[in-house]
Amino acid sequence: MSNYLEKHLSDGEHILLEAKTTLRAALPHFILCGFTAALGANLIISDLMGRYSKKGMGVAIGVALIIIGVLIVIFGILNIKATKLLVTDKKVIGKANRKYSVDLLFDRIESVVIKRDLIGAIMKFRTVIIVSASEKYAFPSVANYDEIRQAIMERIGTI
C-alpha cells in the first residue's frame, strides 16, 4: 500500500480491498514505441547508407523518433503505476493518473460502472468508474475490477 493511501486512513478504519493495477494495460504504448523505433531505425540506416541529400538529417529524426517511443512507454507505465484505489469499511480512497484524488464516503457514491475496451477485454483489465452525485472518477487498468465493484456495491447497499 502506498503512503498516499495510508495517510487517508482514519483511526479504526480497516482496509477491505486494494485495486491491483496491471502493466498489461501498457501494451498499446509498447506497440506504438515499436512502430516509432522501427521507423526511427529505418531513417538512421537509410541516412547512413547515403539515401538522403542532407547528411545527418535522417539520423537526427530517427533518434528523435526512438526517444519519443521510449517516452510514450515511460509515461504510459507511470500513469498505470500512479493509479491507486482502496476500499475501506468507511469509504473509498484513490487517485488516478495524477489527475485527481478521491476520498468518498459510501453515502456519497451512487454507483460503480465497469468500462471495457478492446485491449482491456483481451488483457483482462477494466476501468472502474465511481459515480457520485457531483462527479465521475475513473480508475484505469484495474485487474480485480469485479472484486472492487462488489465490495463497493455491498457497502452502498445496492446488492
Foldseek 3Di string as FASTA:
>chain_A
DDPQVVVPDDPPKFFDDKFDFDCLVLVVLLVQLVVLQVQLVVLLVCLVVPVDPDRPPSNVSSVVSNVVSVVSSVLSVVQRVQWIWTDILFFIWIDGSPPDTDTGGLLQWDAKDWADDDSCVVVQWTWIWTDGPPDIDIGGRTNPNVVVRVRSCVSNPND
